[in-house]
Amino acid sequence: MKRLDCRGLSCPFPLLKVRENLLETGKGDIIEILADDPLTKMDIPLLCQELGCELKEMEEGDNFIRFIVVKRI
């Protein structure tokens, strides 16, 4: 599982970083994403739909939002 830490980045930089990493991964690869920008709660699910990925999990903690994404295409 690849880990991508986007904490401290504000929109649009987390989305750009996630997009770049998803495009570089292969089918079936899993990425764990950590972010703290509230807009990622909307942006990451939309990006998953756009790129044919599956958002397996989204969890909110005190200072972070954690996503687990599986590349399907």
PDB file of N, CA and C in Angstrom:
ATOM      1  N   MET A   1       0.854  -1.181   0.000  1.00  0.00           N
ATOM      2  CA  MET A   1       0.000   0.000   0.000  1.00  0.00           C
ATOM      3  C   MET A   1       0.894   1.237   0.000  1.00  0.00           C
ATOM      4  N   LYS A   2       0.615   2.132  -0.911  1.00  0.00           N
ATOM      5  CA  LYS A   2       1.343   3.389  -0.995  1.00  0.00           C
ATOM      6  C   LYS A   2       0.677   4.408  -0.075  1.00  0.00           C
ATOM      7  N   ARG A   3       1.469   5.209   0.619  1.00  0.00           N
ATOM      8  CA  ARG A   3       0.938   6.250   1.498  1.00  0.00           C
ATOM      9  C   ARG A   3       1.281   7.618   0.925  1.00  0.00           C
ATOM     10  N   LEU A   4       0.291   8.484   0.943  1.00  0.00           N
ATOM     11  CA  LEU A   4       0.450   9.822   0.398  1.00  0.00           C
ATOM     12  C   LEU A   4      -0.009  10.825   1.450  1.00  0.00           C
ATOM     13  N   ASP A   5       0.899  11.635   1.944  1.00  0.00           N
ATOM     14  CA  ASP A   5       0.591  12.600   2.991  1.00  0.00           C
ATOM     15  C   ASP A   5       0.406  13.985   2.378  1.00  0.00           C
ATOM     16  N   CYS A   6      -0.839  14.453   2.372  1.00  0.00           N
ATOM     17  CA  CYS A   6      -1.164  15.763   1.806  1.00  0.00           C
ATOM     18  C   CYS A   6      -1.529  16.762   2.901  1.00  0.00           C
ATOM     19  N   ARG A   7      -1.251  16.419   4.144  1.00  0.00           N
ATOM     20  CA  ARG A   7      -1.554  17.345   5.233  1.00  0.00           C
ATOM     21  C   ARG A   7      -0.710  18.601   5.081  1.00  0.00           C
ATOM     22  N   GLY A   8      -1.332  19.730   5.373  1.00  0.00           N
ATOM     23  CA  GLY A   8      -0.650  21.009   5.235  1.00  0.00           C
ATOM     24  C   GLY A   8      -0.814  21.649   3.865  1.00  0.00           C
ATOM     25  N   LEU A   9      -1.368  20.907   2.910  1.00  0.00           N
ATOM     26  CA  LEU A   9      -1.599  21.446   1.570  1.00  0.00           C
ATOM     27  C   LEU A   9      -3.051  21.891   1.456  1.00  0.00           C
ATOM     28  N   SER A  10      -3.261  23.019   0.816  1.00  0.00           N
ATOM     29  CA  SER A  10      -4.635  23.493   0.619  1.00  0.00           C
ATOM     30  C   SER A  10      -5.003  23.383  -0.849  1.00  0.00           C
ATOM     31  N   CYS A  11      -6.295  23.396  -1.100  1.00  0.00           N
ATOM     32  CA  CYS A  11      -6.860  23.245  -2.431  1.00  0.00           C
ATOM     33  C   CYS A  11      -6.200  24.215  -3.403  1.00  0.00           C
ATOM     34  N   PRO A  12      -5.812  23.757  -4.562  1.00  0.00           N
ATOM     35  CA  PRO A  12      -6.068  22.477  -5.227  1.00  0.00           C
ATOM     36  C   PRO A  12      -4.924  21.473  -5.101  1.00  0.00           C
ATOM     37  N   PHE A  13      -3.912  21.762  -4.300  1.00  0.00           N
ATOM     38  CA  PHE A  13      -2.699  20.943  -4.292  1.00  0.00           C
ATOM     39  C   PHE A  13      -2.903  19.497  -3.827  1.00  0.00           C
ATOM     40  N   PRO A  14      -3.743  19.215  -2.805  1.00  0.00           N
ATOM     41  CA  PRO A  14      -3.957  17.800  -2.473  1.00  0.00           C
ATOM     42  C   PRO A  14      -4.545  17.022  -3.644  1.00  0.00           C
ATOM     43  N   LEU A  15      -5.500  17.614  -4.320  1.00  0.00           N
ATOM     44  CA  LEU A  15      -6.142  16.944  -5.446  1.00  0.00           C
ATOM     45  C   LEU A  15      -5.147  16.688  -6.577  1.00  0.00           C
ATOM     46  N   LEU A  16      -4.318  17.664  -6.872  1.00  0.00           N
ATOM     47  CA  LEU A  16      -3.321  17.502  -7.938  1.00  0.00           C
ATOM     48  C   LEU A  16      -2.322  16.395  -7.588  1.00  0.00           C
ATOM     49  N   LYS A  17      -1.901  16.350  -6.336  1.00  0.00           N
ATOM     50  CA  LYS A  17      -0.948  15.334  -5.896  1.00  0.00           C
ATOM     51  C   LYS A  17      -1.577  13.934  -5.950  1.00  0.00           C
ATOM     52  N   VAL A  18      -2.824  13.826  -5.525  1.00  0.00           N
ATOM     53  CA  VAL A  18      -3.525  12.536  -5.561  1.00  0.00           C
ATOM     54  C   VAL A  18      -3.726  12.089  -7.006  1.00  0.00           C
ATOM     55  N   ARG A  19      -4.164  13.002  -7.866  1.00  0.00           N
ATOM     56  CA  ARG A  19      -4.366  12.672  -9.283  1.00  0.00           C
ATOM     57  C   ARG A  19      -3.076  12.134  -9.904  1.00  0.00           C
ATOM     58  N   GLU A  20      -1.988  12.835  -9.682  1.00  0.00           N
ATOM     59  CA  GLU A  20      -0.697  12.428 -10.240  1.00  0.00           C
ATOM     60  C   GLU A  20      -0.319  11.022  -9.770  1.00  0.00           C
ATOM     61  N   ASN A  21      -0.500  10.755  -8.487  1.00  0.00           N
ATOM     62  CA  ASN A  21      -0.153   9.439  -7.952  1.00  0.00           C
ATOM     63  C   ASN A  21      -1.079   8.354  -8.475  1.00  0.00           C
ATOM     64  N   LEU A  22      -2.362   8.625  -8.605  1.00  0.00           N
ATOM     65  CA  LEU A  22      -3.288   7.636  -9.135  1.00  0.00           C
ATOM     66  C   LEU A  22      -2.982   7.305 -10.592  1.00  0.00           C
ATOM     67  N   LEU A  23      -2.598   8.296 -11.355  1.00  0.00           N
ATOM     68  CA  LEU A  23      -2.275   8.047 -12.763  1.00  0.00           C
ATOM     69  C   LEU A  23      -1.003   7.218 -12.911  1.00  0.00           C
ATOM     70  N   GLU A  24      -0.120   7.269 -11.905  1.00  0.00           N
ATOM     71  CA  GLU A  24       1.137   6.518 -11.951  1.00  0.00           C
ATOM     72  C   GLU A  24       0.996   5.088 -11.435  1.00  0.00           C
ATOM     73  N   THR A  25      -0.116   4.775 -10.759  1.00  0.00           N
ATOM     74  CA  THR A  25      -0.282   3.445 -10.180  1.00  0.00           C
ATOM     75  C   THR A  25      -0.928   2.492 -11.179  1.00  0.00           C
ATOM     76  N   GLY A  26      -0.843   1.228 -10.859  1.00  0.00           N
ATOM     77  CA  GLY A  26      -1.429   0.212 -11.716  1.00  0.00           C
ATOM     78  C   GLY A  26      -2.751  -0.301 -11.168  1.00  0.00           C
ATOM     79  N   LYS A  27      -3.450  -1.047 -11.993  1.00  0.00           N
ATOM     80  CA  LYS A  27      -4.739  -1.620 -11.613  1.00  0.00           C
ATOM     81  C   LYS A  27      -4.578  -2.485 -10.355  1.00  0.00           C
ATOM     82  N   GLY A  28      -5.466  -2.264  -9.387  1.00  0.00           N
ATOM     83  CA  GLY A  28      -5.439  -3.024  -8.150  1.00  0.00           C
ATOM     84  C   GLY A  28      -4.585  -2.414  -7.055  1.00  0.00           C
ATOM     85  N   ASP A  29      -3.784  -1.411  -7.396  1.00  0.00           N
ATOM     86  CA  ASP A  29      -2.952  -0.760  -6.384  1.00  0.00           C
ATOM     87  C   ASP A  29      -3.827   0.006  -5.391  1.00  0.00           C
ATOM     88  N   ILE A  30      -3.357   0.090  -4.159  1.00  0.00           N
ATOM     89  CA  ILE A  30      -4.075   0.768  -3.081  1.00  0.00           C
ATOM     90  C   ILE A  30      -3.240   1.943  -2.596  1.00  0.00           C
ATOM     91  N   ILE A  31      -3.900   3.084  -2.416  1.00  0.00           N
ATOM     92  CA  ILE A  31      -3.239   4.279  -1.894  1.00  0.00           C
ATOM     93  C   ILE A  31      -3.984   4.745  -0.650  1.00  0.00           C
ATOM     94  N   GLU A  32      -3.224   4.987   0.406  1.00  0.00           N
ATOM     95  CA  GLU A  32      -3.762   5.620   1.603  1.00  0.00           C
ATOM     96  C   GLU A  32      -3.395   7.097   1.524  1.00  0.00           C
ATOM     97  N   ILE A  33      -4.391   7.958   1.655  1.00  0.00           N
ATOM     98  CA  ILE A  33      -4.191   9.397   1.533  1.00  0.00           C
ATOM     99  C   ILE A  33      -4.558  10.050   2.859  1.00  0.00           C
ATOM    100  N   LEU A  34      -3.678  10.897   3.360  1.00  0.00           N
ATOM    101  CA  LEU A  34      -3.962  11.706   4.536  1.00  0.00           C
ATOM    102  C   LEU A  34      -4.026  13.162   4.105  1.00  0.00           C
ATOM    103  N   ALA A  35      -5.065  13.847   4.525  1.00  0.00           N
ATOM    104  CA  ALA A  35      -5.247  15.252   4.178  1.00  0.00           C
ATOM    105  C   ALA A  35      -5.861  15.975   5.372  1.00  0.00           C
ATOM    106  N   ASP A  36      -5.774  17.295   5.353  1.00  0.00           N
ATOM    107  CA  ASP A  36      -6.442  18.068   6.393  1.00  0.00           C
ATOM    108  C   ASP A  36      -7.258  19.227   5.821  1.00  0.00           C
ATOM    109  N   ASP A  37      -7.301  19.340   4.507  1.00  0.00           N
ATOM    110  CA  ASP A  37      -8.133  20.350   3.855  1.00  0.00           C
ATOM    111  C   ASP A  37      -9.555  19.793   3.739  1.00  0.00           C
ATOM    112  N   PRO A  38     -10.553  20.465   4.336  1.00  0.00           N
ATOM    113  CA  PRO A  38     -11.925  19.955   4.310  1.00  0.00           C
ATOM    114  C   PRO A  38     -12.485  19.733   2.903  1.00  0.00           C
ATOM    115  N   LEU A  39     -11.983  20.458   1.920  1.00  0.00           N
ATOM    116  CA  LEU A  39     -12.485  20.293   0.553  1.00  0.00           C
ATOM    117  C   LEU A  39     -12.153  18.928  -0.037  1.00  0.00           C
ATOM    118  N   THR A  40     -11.164  18.245   0.519  1.00  0.00           N
ATOM    119  CA  THR A  40     -10.825  16.923  -0.005  1.00  0.00           C
ATOM    120  C   THR A  40     -11.964  15.922   0.193  1.00  0.00           C
ATOM    121  N   LYS A  41     -12.838  16.178   1.173  1.00  0.00           N
ATOM    122  CA  LYS A  41     -13.983  15.272   1.386  1.00  0.00           C
ATOM    123  C   LYS A  41     -14.906  15.255   0.173  1.00  0.00           C
ATOM    124  N   MET A  42     -14.940  16.327  -0.594  1.00  0.00           N
ATOM    125  CA  MET A  42     -15.723  16.367  -1.837  1.00  0.00           C
ATOM    126  C   MET A  42     -14.854  16.004  -3.041  1.00  0.00           C
ATOM    127  N   ASP A  43     -13.620  16.517  -3.043  1.00  0.00           N
ATOM    128  CA  ASP A  43     -12.753  16.379  -4.213  1.00  0.00           C
ATOM    129  C   ASP A  43     -12.278  14.952  -4.467  1.00  0.00           C
ATOM    130  N   ILE A  44     -11.863  14.243  -3.426  1.00  0.00           N
ATOM    131  CA  ILE A  44     -11.314  12.896  -3.612  1.00  0.00           C
ATOM    132  C   ILE A  44     -12.374  11.928  -4.146  1.00  0.00           C
ATOM    133  N   PRO A  45     -13.589  11.893  -3.579  1.00  0.00           N
ATOM    134  CA  PRO A  45     -14.604  10.998  -4.173  1.00  0.00           C
ATOM    135  C   PRO A  45     -14.908  11.318  -5.637  1.00  0.00           C
ATOM    136  N   LEU A  46     -14.965  12.593  -5.987  1.00  0.00           N
ATOM    137  CA  LEU A  46     -15.214  12.966  -7.386  1.00  0.00           C
ATOM    138  C   LEU A  46     -14.057  12.543  -8.288  1.00  0.00           C
ATOM    139  N   LEU A  47     -12.841  12.704  -7.803  1.00  0.00           N
ATOM    140  CA  LEU A  47     -11.673  12.280  -8.572  1.00  0.00           C
ATOM    141  C   LEU A  47     -11.688  10.766  -8.781  1.00  0.00           C
ATOM    142  N   CYS A  48     -12.093  10.029  -7.759  1.00  0.00           N
ATOM    143  CA  CYS A  48     -12.182   8.566  -7.886  1.00  0.00           C
ATOM    144  C   CYS A  48     -13.163   8.176  -8.988  1.00  0.00           C
ATOM    145  N   GLN A  49     -14.307   8.833  -9.029  1.00  0.00           N
ATOM    146  CA  GLN A  49     -15.289   8.553 -10.090  1.00  0.00           C
ATOM    147  C   GLN A  49     -14.703   8.869 -11.456  1.00  0.00           C
ATOM    148  N   GLU A  50     -14.036  10.003 -11.551  1.00  0.00           N
ATOM    149  CA  GLU A  50     -13.475  10.443 -12.824  1.00  0.00           C
ATOM    150  C   GLU A  50     -12.407   9.478 -13.344  1.00  0.00           C
ATOM    151  N   LEU A  51     -11.587   8.947 -12.439  1.00  0.00           N
ATOM    152  CA  LEU A  51     -10.468   8.100 -12.851  1.00  0.00           C
ATOM    153  C   LEU A  51     -10.761   6.607 -12.766  1.00  0.00           C
ATOM    154  N   GLY A  52     -11.996   6.243 -12.416  1.00  0.00           N
ATOM    155  CA  GLY A  52     -12.352   4.835 -12.334  1.00  0.00           C
ATOM    156  C   GLY A  52     -11.736   4.120 -11.142  1.00  0.00           C
ATOM    157  N   CYS A  53     -11.621   4.829 -10.039  1.00  0.00           N
ATOM    158  CA  CYS A  53     -11.075   4.255  -8.811  1.00  0.00           C
ATOM    159  C   CYS A  53     -12.202   4.023  -7.817  1.00  0.00           C
ATOM    160  N   GLU A  54     -11.920   3.192  -6.825  1.00  0.00           N
ATOM    161  CA  GLU A  54     -12.910   2.908  -5.790  1.00  0.00           C
ATOM    162  C   GLU A  54     -12.451   3.531  -4.474  1.00  0.00           C
ATOM    163  N   LEU A  55     -13.306   4.351  -3.895  1.00  0.00           N
ATOM    164  CA  LEU A  55     -13.041   4.895  -2.566  1.00  0.00           C
ATOM    165  C   LEU A  55     -13.530   3.868  -1.560  1.00  0.00           C
ATOM    166  N   LYS A  56     -12.593   3.109  -0.987  1.00  0.00           N
ATOM    167  CA  LYS A  56     -12.941   2.022  -0.069  1.00  0.00           C
ATOM    168  C   LYS A  56     -13.286   2.542   1.322  1.00  0.00           C
ATOM    169  N   GLU A  57     -12.642   3.643   1.711  1.00  0.00           N
ATOM    170  CA  GLU A  57     -12.819   4.109   3.080  1.00  0.00           C
ATOM    171  C   GLU A  57     -12.516   5.600   3.167  1.00  0.00           C
ATOM    172  N   MET A  58     -13.298   6.299   3.996  1.00  0.00           N
ATOM    173  CA  MET A  58     -13.016   7.688   4.334  1.00  0.00           C
ATOM    174  C   MET A  58     -13.266   7.834   5.827  1.00  0.00           C
ATOM    175  N   GLU A  59     -12.258   8.290   6.547  1.00  0.00           N
ATOM    176  CA  GLU A  59     -12.321   8.400   7.996  1.00  0.00           C
ATOM    177  C   GLU A  59     -11.836   9.779   8.404  1.00  0.00           C
ATOM    178  N   GLU A  60     -12.566  10.410   9.305  1.00  0.00           N
ATOM    179  CA  GLU A  60     -12.150  11.707   9.821  1.00  0.00           C
ATOM    180  C   GLU A  60     -11.620  11.567  11.235  1.00  0.00           C
ATOM    181  N   GLY A  61     -10.450  12.127  11.473  1.00  0.00           N
ATOM    182  CA  GLY A  61      -9.860  12.175  12.800  1.00  0.00           C
ATOM    183  C   GLY A  61      -9.851  13.610  13.289  1.00  0.00           C
ATOM    184  N   ASP A  62      -9.173  13.844  14.385  1.00  0.00           N
ATOM    185  CA  ASP A  62      -9.127  15.186  14.950  1.00  0.00           C
ATOM    186  C   ASP A  62      -8.462  16.195  14.015  1.00  0.00           C
ATOM    187  N   ASN A  63      -7.359  15.802  13.394  1.00  0.00           N
ATOM    188  CA  ASN A  63      -6.606  16.733  12.551  1.00  0.00           C
ATOM    189  C   ASN A  63      -6.332  16.185  11.157  1.00  0.00           C
ATOM    190  N   PHE A  64      -7.145  15.235  10.720  1.00  0.00           N
ATOM    191  CA  PHE A  64      -6.875  14.648   9.407  1.00  0.00           C
ATOM    192  C   PHE A  64      -8.133  14.004   8.837  1.00  0.00           C
ATOM    193  N   ILE A  65      -8.076  13.762   7.548  1.00  0.00           N
ATOM    194  CA  ILE A  65      -9.056  12.949   6.833  1.00  0.00           C
ATOM    195  C   ILE A  65      -8.248  11.864   6.135  1.00  0.00           C
ATOM    196  N   ARG A  66      -8.651  10.613   6.301  1.00  0.00           N
ATOM    197  CA  ARG A  66      -7.922   9.479   5.730  1.00  0.00           C
ATOM    198  C   ARG A  66      -8.799   8.808   4.680  1.00  0.00           C
ATOM    199  N   PHE A  67      -8.206   8.580   3.522  1.00  0.00           N
ATOM    200  CA  PHE A  67      -8.885   7.922   2.410  1.00  0.00           C
ATOM    201  C   PHE A  67      -8.126   6.671   2.040  1.00  0.00           C
ATOM    202  N   ILE A  68      -8.847   5.623   1.707  1.00  0.00           N
ATOM    203  CA  ILE A  68      -8.239   4.429   1.102  1.00  0.00           C
ATOM    204  C   ILE A  68      -8.853   4.298  -0.289  1.00  0.00           C
ATOM    205  N   VAL A  69      -8.005   4.337  -1.306  1.00  0.00           N
ATOM    206  CA  VAL A  69      -8.451   4.324  -2.701  1.00  0.00           C
ATOM    207  C   VAL A  69      -7.814   3.142  -3.419  1.00  0.00           C
ATOM    208  N   VAL A  70      -8.635   2.431  -4.206  1.00  0.00           N
ATOM    209  CA  VAL A  70      -8.144   1.305  -5.013  1.00  0.00           C
ATOM    210  C   VAL A  70      -8.275   1.670  -6.476  1.00  0.00           C
ATOM    211  N   LYS A  71      -7.186   1.512  -7.196  1.00  0.00           N
ATOM    212  CA  LYS A  71      -7.189   1.795  -8.641  1.00  0.00           C
ATOM    213  C   LYS A  71      -7.876   0.638  -9.357  1.00  0.00           C
ATOM    214  N   ARG A  72      -8.945   0.898 -10.081  1.00  0.00           N
ATOM    215  CA  ARG A  72      -9.709  -0.166 -10.741  1.00  0.00           C
ATOM    216  C   ARG A  72      -9.465  -0.267 -12.232  1.00  0.00           C
ATOM    217  N   ILE A  73      -8.952   0.771 -12.838  1.00  0.00           N
ATOM    218  CA  ILE A  73      -8.722   0.752 -14.299  1.00  0.00           C
ATOM    219  C   ILE A  73      -7.241   0.846 -14.581  1.00  0.00           C
TER     220      ILE A  73
END
